[in-house]
Amino acid sequence: MTNIIDREAVRDLVADRRAQLVEVLPEKEYTWAHLPAAVHLPLGAMRTSAGELDPGRPVVVYCHDWLCDLSPRAAHRLERLGFEDVYDYRQGKMDWLSADLPYEGAATLVSRYLRRDPVRASLGDPLDEVTERIIADPAGLAVVVDDDDVVQGVIGSRELKGADLDGVAERAMRVGVTTVRPSEELEPLVRRMDRAKVDHVVVTRVDGTLVGLFGLGDVRPPETGPDFG
């Protein structure tokens, strides 16, 4: 049976056993973004092109996400063709991109433009000290995280109005803040933020841990600023 593996197992196989990464999506999607050093081998070309792979090394196949069935089909096809060490990264490349891991391709994702050093506060930090850091930072915003670095809320000028500066960050923060993944395409995100009149958005991984902060002032789409493609 095919071995179904997760993101960490993929990284381990590449590091320890020089596994071959194979994207089985159409060329347009491979060109958009793919895992580092992954080769492109569409499902329809398996029979004629599988010979390009080294049968003596593990092969990890993947497609878009866990709803895509191309990778399990490709894994079974490779096994049928005689490959004995085949793995299916079932969660796919969107899982990889959402985890803020490196990628290759033409995609312009928010992961390449966000600030990775926003004002960060713990739940129990004194609010007066956090306020000083907020005032000194261009974004005017602090991201509040717990001991596991999971985002719990934000503190900005709105939250500071009337707040008890003798209290702690948890008492003043706004909870339920909207977040986006590092895999967000930049231009659509900028348009949504413009429409919503939102200046900054918190970027987190799928487990809720903080990646950084993206602001409209960090980059603009081509029609309103420099070409960032």
Protein backbone atom coordinates (compact mmCIF):
# COMPACT_ATOMS: atom_id res chain seq x y z
CA MET A 1 0.00 0.00 0.00
CA THR A 2 1.06 3.58 -0.64
CA ASN A 3 2.64 5.41 2.29
CA ILE A 4 0.66 8.55 3.14
CA ILE A 5 2.90 11.11 4.83
CA ASP A 6 2.71 14.61 6.26
CA ARG A 7 4.82 17.72 5.76
CA GLU A 8 7.44 16.90 8.38
CA ALA A 9 7.92 13.42 6.95
CA VAL A 10 8.47 14.95 3.52
CA ARG A 11 11.20 17.19 4.90
CA ASP A 12 12.82 14.26 6.69
CA LEU A 13 12.78 12.08 3.57
CA VAL A 14 14.39 14.81 1.49
CA ALA A 15 17.05 15.54 4.12
CA ASP A 16 17.87 11.99 5.17
CA ARG A 17 17.20 9.88 2.08
CA ARG A 18 17.40 12.33 -0.84
CA ALA A 19 13.79 11.72 -1.76
CA GLN A 20 12.61 12.88 -5.17
CA LEU A 21 9.71 15.34 -5.07
CA VAL A 22 7.23 15.01 -7.91
CA GLU A 23 4.36 17.38 -8.66
CA VAL A 24 1.64 15.72 -10.71
CA LEU A 25 -0.51 18.78 -11.44
CA PRO A 26 -0.78 20.41 -14.89
CA GLU A 27 2.14 22.56 -16.06
CA LYS A 28 0.40 25.88 -15.34
CA GLU A 29 -0.02 24.99 -11.69
CA TYR A 30 3.54 23.68 -11.41
CA THR A 31 4.87 26.91 -12.91
CA TRP A 32 2.82 28.96 -10.45
CA ALA A 33 4.47 27.36 -7.42
CA HIS A 34 6.10 24.08 -6.50
CA LEU A 35 8.17 22.60 -3.70
CA PRO A 36 11.92 23.30 -3.96
CA ALA A 37 13.64 21.06 -6.53
CA ALA A 38 10.39 19.23 -7.34
CA VAL A 39 10.16 17.81 -10.85
CA HIS A 40 7.05 18.05 -12.98
CA LEU A 41 5.52 14.74 -13.97
CA PRO A 42 1.79 14.94 -14.83
CA LEU A 43 -0.28 11.86 -14.23
CA GLY A 44 -0.90 11.38 -17.94
CA ALA A 45 2.85 11.24 -18.63
CA MET A 46 3.73 8.66 -15.98
CA ARG A 47 4.13 5.74 -18.32
CA THR A 48 6.43 7.57 -20.76
CA SER A 49 8.34 9.84 -18.36
CA ALA A 50 8.69 7.87 -15.13
CA GLY A 51 12.05 6.64 -16.41
CA GLU A 52 13.45 10.08 -15.55
CA LEU A 53 13.15 9.17 -11.87
CA ASP A 54 15.75 7.18 -9.95
CA PRO A 55 14.09 3.92 -8.81
CA GLY A 56 16.71 3.54 -6.09
CA ARG A 57 15.57 6.65 -4.22
CA PRO A 58 12.25 7.37 -2.49
CA VAL A 59 9.64 9.19 -4.55
CA VAL A 60 7.22 11.66 -2.96
CA VAL A 61 4.26 12.68 -5.11
CA TYR A 62 1.92 15.57 -4.34
CA CYS A 63 -0.79 17.68 -5.94
CA HIS A 64 -2.78 20.75 -4.81
CA ASP A 65 -4.42 19.86 -1.50
CA TRP A 66 -6.09 16.99 0.35
CA LEU A 67 -9.18 17.24 -1.88
CA CYS A 68 -7.11 16.59 -5.00
CA ASP A 69 -6.89 12.91 -5.96
CA LEU A 70 -4.07 13.17 -8.49
CA SER A 71 -1.31 12.30 -6.00
CA PRO A 72 -2.85 9.02 -4.77
CA ARG A 73 -3.55 8.02 -8.34
CA ALA A 74 0.02 8.90 -9.32
CA ALA A 75 1.45 6.98 -6.36
CA HIS A 76 -0.45 3.84 -7.37
CA ARG A 77 0.63 4.29 -10.99
CA LEU A 78 4.29 4.51 -9.99
CA GLU A 79 3.96 1.38 -7.89
CA ARG A 80 2.38 -0.35 -10.86
CA LEU A 81 5.39 0.74 -12.92
CA GLY A 82 7.77 -0.95 -10.49
CA PHE A 83 8.73 1.80 -8.02
CA GLU A 84 8.91 0.27 -4.55
CA ASP A 85 9.48 3.29 -2.28
CA VAL A 86 6.61 5.67 -3.07
CA TYR A 87 5.03 8.22 -0.73
CA ASP A 88 1.93 10.36 -1.11
CA TYR A 89 2.07 13.82 0.45
CA ARG A 90 -1.72 13.86 0.58
CA GLN A 91 -2.13 17.38 2.01
CA GLY A 92 -0.37 18.81 -1.04
CA LYS A 93 1.48 21.97 -1.81
CA MET A 94 -1.09 24.32 -0.25
CA ASP A 95 -0.28 22.72 3.09
CA TRP A 96 3.41 23.39 2.39
CA LEU A 97 2.85 27.01 1.33
CA SER A 98 0.50 27.67 4.25
CA ALA A 99 3.26 26.56 6.61
CA ASP A 100 5.52 29.37 5.33
CA LEU A 101 8.03 26.98 3.78
CA PRO A 102 10.23 27.86 0.77
CA TYR A 103 8.88 27.41 -2.72
CA GLU A 104 9.90 27.92 -6.33
CA GLY A 105 7.84 29.37 -9.15
CA ALA A 106 6.20 32.58 -10.36
CA ALA A 107 3.64 32.94 -7.56
CA THR A 108 3.60 36.27 -5.74
CA LEU A 109 2.55 35.24 -2.26
CA VAL A 110 2.23 37.36 0.85
CA SER A 111 4.98 35.28 2.50
CA ARG A 112 7.54 37.22 0.46
CA TYR A 113 6.27 40.67 1.44
CA LEU A 114 5.16 40.52 5.06
CA ARG A 115 6.95 41.98 8.05
CA ARG A 116 8.42 39.23 10.19
CA ASP A 117 9.28 41.55 13.07
CA PRO A 118 5.98 43.09 14.16
CA VAL A 119 5.46 44.26 17.73
CA ARG A 120 4.80 41.04 19.59
CA ALA A 121 3.31 40.92 23.07
CA SER A 122 2.61 38.13 25.51
CA LEU A 123 -0.73 37.88 27.26
CA GLY A 124 0.70 39.00 30.58
CA ASP A 125 2.89 41.85 29.32
CA PRO A 126 2.25 45.19 31.09
CA LEU A 127 0.07 47.29 28.83
CA ASP A 128 2.02 50.49 29.45
CA GLU A 129 5.20 48.83 28.15
CA VAL A 130 3.36 47.38 25.13
CA THR A 131 1.89 50.81 24.41
CA GLU A 132 5.34 52.37 24.20
CA ARG A 133 6.38 49.78 21.61
CA ILE A 134 3.17 50.27 19.63
CA ILE A 135 3.69 54.03 19.46
CA ALA A 136 7.29 53.56 18.30
CA ASP A 137 6.35 51.11 15.52
CA PRO A 138 5.20 52.28 12.04
CA ALA A 139 2.28 49.83 12.02
CA GLY A 140 0.92 51.13 15.32
CA LEU A 141 -0.18 47.62 16.18
CA ALA A 142 0.90 44.79 18.47
CA VAL A 143 0.11 41.12 17.92
CA VAL A 144 -0.62 39.26 21.16
CA VAL A 145 0.47 35.61 21.32
CA ASP A 146 0.34 32.90 23.97
CA ASP A 147 3.18 30.69 25.20
CA ASP A 148 2.89 28.52 22.07
CA ASP A 149 3.16 31.59 19.80
CA VAL A 150 -0.49 31.16 18.75
CA VAL A 151 -2.16 34.48 17.94
CA GLN A 152 -4.72 35.54 20.55
CA GLY A 153 -5.49 39.09 19.48
CA VAL A 154 -4.18 42.51 18.52
CA ILE A 155 -3.80 45.86 20.21
CA GLY A 156 -3.95 49.10 18.22
CA SER A 157 -5.03 52.68 18.79
CA ARG A 158 -8.68 51.63 18.97
CA GLU A 159 -8.00 49.14 21.76
CA LEU A 160 -5.83 51.59 23.68
CA LYS A 161 -8.55 54.22 23.94
CA GLY A 162 -9.84 54.10 27.46
CA ALA A 163 -7.73 51.06 28.31
CA ASP A 164 -6.26 50.66 31.78
CA LEU A 165 -2.54 51.12 31.18
CA ASP A 166 -1.86 49.52 34.55
CA GLY A 167 -3.36 46.29 33.23
CA VAL A 168 -1.96 43.61 30.94
CA ALA A 169 -2.13 43.00 27.19
CA GLU A 170 -4.76 40.27 27.46
CA ARG A 171 -7.26 42.67 29.03
CA ALA A 172 -6.94 45.22 26.22
CA MET A 173 -6.53 43.06 23.11
CA ARG A 174 -9.17 42.58 20.45
CA VAL A 175 -9.86 38.86 20.01
CA GLY A 176 -11.21 37.09 16.94
CA VAL A 177 -8.94 39.08 14.65
CA THR A 178 -8.99 38.04 10.99
CA THR A 179 -5.83 36.29 9.78
CA VAL A 180 -4.52 35.04 6.44
CA ARG A 181 -2.06 32.32 5.48
CA PRO A 182 1.40 32.89 3.96
CA SER A 183 0.03 31.16 0.83
CA GLU A 184 -2.31 34.08 0.02
CA GLU A 185 -1.71 35.60 -3.41
CA LEU A 186 -0.70 39.20 -2.93
CA GLU A 187 -2.83 41.12 -5.43
CA PRO A 188 -6.22 39.64 -4.43
CA LEU A 189 -5.34 40.19 -0.78
CA VAL A 190 -4.47 43.85 -1.39
CA ARG A 191 -7.76 44.36 -3.22
CA ARG A 192 -9.75 42.79 -0.37
CA MET A 193 -7.95 44.95 2.17
CA ASP A 194 -8.62 48.06 0.10
CA ARG A 195 -12.32 47.27 -0.10
CA ALA A 196 -12.53 46.53 3.61
CA LYS A 197 -10.45 49.62 4.47
CA VAL A 198 -8.03 47.46 6.44
CA ASP A 199 -4.44 48.67 6.68
CA HIS A 200 -2.84 45.58 8.22
CA VAL A 201 -3.56 41.89 8.43
CA VAL A 202 -1.97 39.27 10.68
CA VAL A 203 -0.38 36.33 8.87
CA THR A 204 -0.43 32.94 10.60
CA ARG A 205 0.31 29.32 9.78
CA VAL A 206 -2.50 26.78 9.72
CA ASP A 207 -1.84 25.99 13.39
CA GLY A 208 -2.44 29.64 14.35
CA THR A 209 1.20 30.48 15.07
CA LEU A 210 2.39 33.92 14.09
CA VAL A 211 4.34 34.45 10.88
CA GLY A 212 4.19 38.22 10.62
CA LEU A 213 2.18 41.28 9.69
CA PHE A 214 1.30 42.51 6.22
CA GLY A 215 0.43 46.17 5.62
CA LEU A 216 -0.86 47.94 2.54
CA GLY A 217 2.08 50.28 2.78
CA ASP A 218 4.52 47.39 2.37
CA VAL A 219 3.76 46.86 -1.32
CA ARG A 220 1.20 47.99 -3.85
CA PRO A 221 -0.27 46.20 -6.88
CA PRO A 222 1.14 47.13 -10.32
CA GLU A 223 -1.60 49.62 -11.19
CA THR A 224 -0.85 51.78 -8.12
CA GLY A 225 2.86 51.27 -7.65
CA PRO A 226 5.96 49.41 -8.75
CA ASP A 227 5.69 46.05 -10.45
CA PHE A 228 6.28 43.40 -7.81
CA GLY A 229 5.95 40.40 -10.14
